[in-house]
Amino acid sequence: NEGMPVNFTVAMASDTGYEEGFTKVLQLIKRRGAEIALHPGDLDYGNRPERLEERIDAILGPQFPYFFSPGNHETRSGWFQPDGYQERLIARVN
């Protein structure tokens, strides 16, 4: 594809929770210059999608392509709730 970079950095993190460790992961993603991040589940053990998104936006920016999928903590707690993880992911990619 034209316009597709030949080399780019993809970051991947999972089972991070929300606290200090997650901040360090986001800072590492930024320092390493990743162009995209994938987070396959266990985003936040407390079902606080707004806090997760605020942290991503504060460190990487609201336009940074940060994609996530549900882990066992999100499916039990609120992946599908109004203004939950699923709605925030859809808004982020649109």
C-alpha atoms as a PDB file:
ATOM      1  CA  ASN A   1       0.000   0.000   0.000  1.00  0.00           C
ATOM      2  CA  GLU A   2       1.113   3.480  -0.814  1.00  0.00           C
ATOM      3  CA  GLY A   3       1.554   5.556   2.307  1.00  0.00           C
ATOM      4  CA  MET A   4       2.065   2.509   4.511  1.00  0.00           C
ATOM      5  CA  PRO A   5       5.339   2.839   6.425  1.00  0.00           C
ATOM      6  CA  VAL A   6       7.979   0.202   5.774  1.00  0.00           C
ATOM      7  CA  ASN A   7       9.072   0.175   9.388  1.00  0.00           C
ATOM      8  CA  PHE A   8       6.998   1.143  12.376  1.00  0.00           C
ATOM      9  CA  THR A   9       6.914   0.235  16.044  1.00  0.00           C
ATOM     10  CA  VAL A  10       3.991  -1.560  17.629  1.00  0.00           C
ATOM     11  CA  ALA A  11       3.765  -1.679  21.417  1.00  0.00           C
ATOM     12  CA  MET A  12       1.905  -4.447  23.197  1.00  0.00           C
ATOM     13  CA  ALA A  13       0.974  -4.615  26.860  1.00  0.00           C
ATOM     14  CA  SER A  14      -1.551  -6.669  28.770  1.00  0.00           C
ATOM     15  CA  ASP A  15      -2.701  -7.335  32.287  1.00  0.00           C
ATOM     16  CA  THR A  16      -1.470  -3.931  33.391  1.00  0.00           C
ATOM     17  CA  GLY A  17      -4.136  -2.794  35.798  1.00  0.00           C
ATOM     18  CA  TYR A  18      -4.320   0.936  36.257  1.00  0.00           C
ATOM     19  CA  GLU A  19      -1.891   2.044  38.935  1.00  0.00           C
ATOM     20  CA  GLU A  20       1.762   3.105  38.727  1.00  0.00           C
ATOM     21  CA  GLY A  21       2.783   0.164  36.561  1.00  0.00           C
ATOM     22  CA  PHE A  22       0.407   1.260  33.820  1.00  0.00           C
ATOM     23  CA  THR A  23       1.836   4.770  33.853  1.00  0.00           C
ATOM     24  CA  LYS A  24       5.332   3.333  33.433  1.00  0.00           C
ATOM     25  CA  VAL A  25       4.174   1.183  30.522  1.00  0.00           C
ATOM     26  CA  LEU A  26       2.662   4.211  28.766  1.00  0.00           C
ATOM     27  CA  GLN A  27       5.812   6.246  29.361  1.00  0.00           C
ATOM     28  CA  LEU A  28       7.898   3.427  27.870  1.00  0.00           C
ATOM     29  CA  ILE A  29       5.627   3.285  24.813  1.00  0.00           C
ATOM     30  CA  LYS A  30       6.177   7.010  24.341  1.00  0.00           C
ATOM     31  CA  ARG A  31       9.957   6.857  24.900  1.00  0.00           C
ATOM     32  CA  ARG A  32      10.335   4.011  22.415  1.00  0.00           C
ATOM     33  CA  GLY A  33       8.414   5.948  19.786  1.00  0.00           C
ATOM     34  CA  ALA A  34       5.701   3.390  19.128  1.00  0.00           C
ATOM     35  CA  GLU A  35       3.184   4.404  16.501  1.00  0.00           C
ATOM     36  CA  ILE A  36       0.426   2.080  17.721  1.00  0.00           C
ATOM     37  CA  ALA A  37      -0.363   0.163  20.899  1.00  0.00           C
ATOM     38  CA  LEU A  38      -2.305  -3.050  21.409  1.00  0.00           C
ATOM     39  CA  HIS A  39      -3.645  -4.030  24.817  1.00  0.00           C
ATOM     40  CA  PRO A  40      -5.289  -7.468  24.842  1.00  0.00           C
ATOM     41  CA  GLY A  41      -7.198  -7.361  28.068  1.00  0.00           C
ATOM     42  CA  ASP A  42      -7.123  -6.835  31.789  1.00  0.00           C
ATOM     43  CA  LEU A  43      -7.021  -3.100  31.343  1.00  0.00           C
ATOM     44  CA  ASP A  44      -8.177  -2.054  34.765  1.00  0.00           C
ATOM     45  CA  TYR A  45      -9.169  -4.257  37.673  1.00  0.00           C
ATOM     46  CA  GLY A  46     -11.595  -1.675  39.042  1.00  0.00           C
ATOM     47  CA  ASN A  47     -13.877  -1.090  36.039  1.00  0.00           C
ATOM     48  CA  ARG A  48     -12.917   2.576  35.549  1.00  0.00           C
ATOM     49  CA  PRO A  49     -12.748   3.084  31.793  1.00  0.00           C
ATOM     50  CA  GLU A  50     -12.723   6.866  32.142  1.00  0.00           C
ATOM     51  CA  ARG A  51      -9.552   6.765  34.274  1.00  0.00           C
ATOM     52  CA  LEU A  52      -7.854   4.416  31.851  1.00  0.00           C
ATOM     53  CA  GLU A  53      -8.621   6.674  28.902  1.00  0.00           C
ATOM     54  CA  GLU A  54      -7.576   9.815  30.792  1.00  0.00           C
ATOM     55  CA  ARG A  55      -4.190   8.251  31.533  1.00  0.00           C
ATOM     56  CA  ILE A  56      -3.668   7.159  27.911  1.00  0.00           C
ATOM     57  CA  ASP A  57      -4.644  10.615  26.644  1.00  0.00           C
ATOM     58  CA  ALA A  58      -2.442  12.427  29.175  1.00  0.00           C
ATOM     59  CA  ILE A  59       0.687  10.468  28.267  1.00  0.00           C
ATOM     60  CA  LEU A  60       0.232   9.462  24.619  1.00  0.00           C
ATOM     61  CA  GLY A  61      -2.403  11.945  23.469  1.00  0.00           C
ATOM     62  CA  PRO A  62      -6.073  11.536  22.542  1.00  0.00           C
ATOM     63  CA  GLN A  63      -5.284  10.780  18.893  1.00  0.00           C
ATOM     64  CA  PHE A  64      -2.767   8.022  19.639  1.00  0.00           C
ATOM     65  CA  PRO A  65      -3.970   4.710  18.163  1.00  0.00           C
ATOM     66  CA  TYR A  66      -4.354   2.657  21.347  1.00  0.00           C
ATOM     67  CA  PHE A  67      -6.444  -0.451  20.710  1.00  0.00           C
ATOM     68  CA  PHE A  68      -7.672  -2.818  23.385  1.00  0.00           C
ATOM     69  CA  SER A  69      -9.822  -5.890  23.775  1.00  0.00           C
ATOM     70  CA  PRO A  70     -11.593  -7.329  26.804  1.00  0.00           C
ATOM     71  CA  GLY A  71      -9.881  -9.588  29.279  1.00  0.00           C
ATOM     72  CA  ASN A  72     -11.607 -11.599  31.963  1.00  0.00           C
ATOM     73  CA  HIS A  73     -11.802  -8.543  34.243  1.00  0.00           C
ATOM     74  CA  GLU A  74     -13.545  -6.394  31.632  1.00  0.00           C
ATOM     75  CA  THR A  75     -16.058  -9.011  30.525  1.00  0.00           C
ATOM     76  CA  ARG A  76     -17.181  -9.565  34.095  1.00  0.00           C
ATOM     77  CA  SER A  77     -17.350  -5.924  35.025  1.00  0.00           C
ATOM     78  CA  GLY A  78     -18.434  -3.592  32.293  1.00  0.00           C
ATOM     79  CA  TRP A  79     -17.178  -3.994  28.755  1.00  0.00           C
ATOM     80  CA  PHE A  80     -20.698  -3.372  27.425  1.00  0.00           C
ATOM     81  CA  GLN A  81     -21.947  -0.854  30.005  1.00  0.00           C
ATOM     82  CA  PRO A  82     -22.906   2.640  28.803  1.00  0.00           C
ATOM     83  CA  ASP A  83     -19.753   4.743  28.442  1.00  0.00           C
ATOM     84  CA  GLY A  84     -17.754   1.594  29.135  1.00  0.00           C
ATOM     85  CA  TYR A  85     -14.658   0.174  27.495  1.00  0.00           C
ATOM     86  CA  GLN A  86     -16.376  -0.886  24.273  1.00  0.00           C
ATOM     87  CA  GLU A  87     -17.951   2.531  23.646  1.00  0.00           C
ATOM     88  CA  ARG A  88     -14.647   4.259  24.392  1.00  0.00           C
ATOM     89  CA  LEU A  89     -12.780   1.982  22.002  1.00  0.00           C
ATOM     90  CA  ILE A  90     -15.297   2.661  19.217  1.00  0.00           C
ATOM     91  CA  ALA A  91     -15.006   6.417  19.809  1.00  0.00           C
ATOM     92  CA  ARG A  92     -11.195   6.191  19.805  1.00  0.00           C
ATOM     93  CA  VAL A  93     -11.021   4.486  16.402  1.00  0.00           C
ATOM     94  CA  ASN A  94     -13.634   6.717  14.760  1.00  0.00           C
END
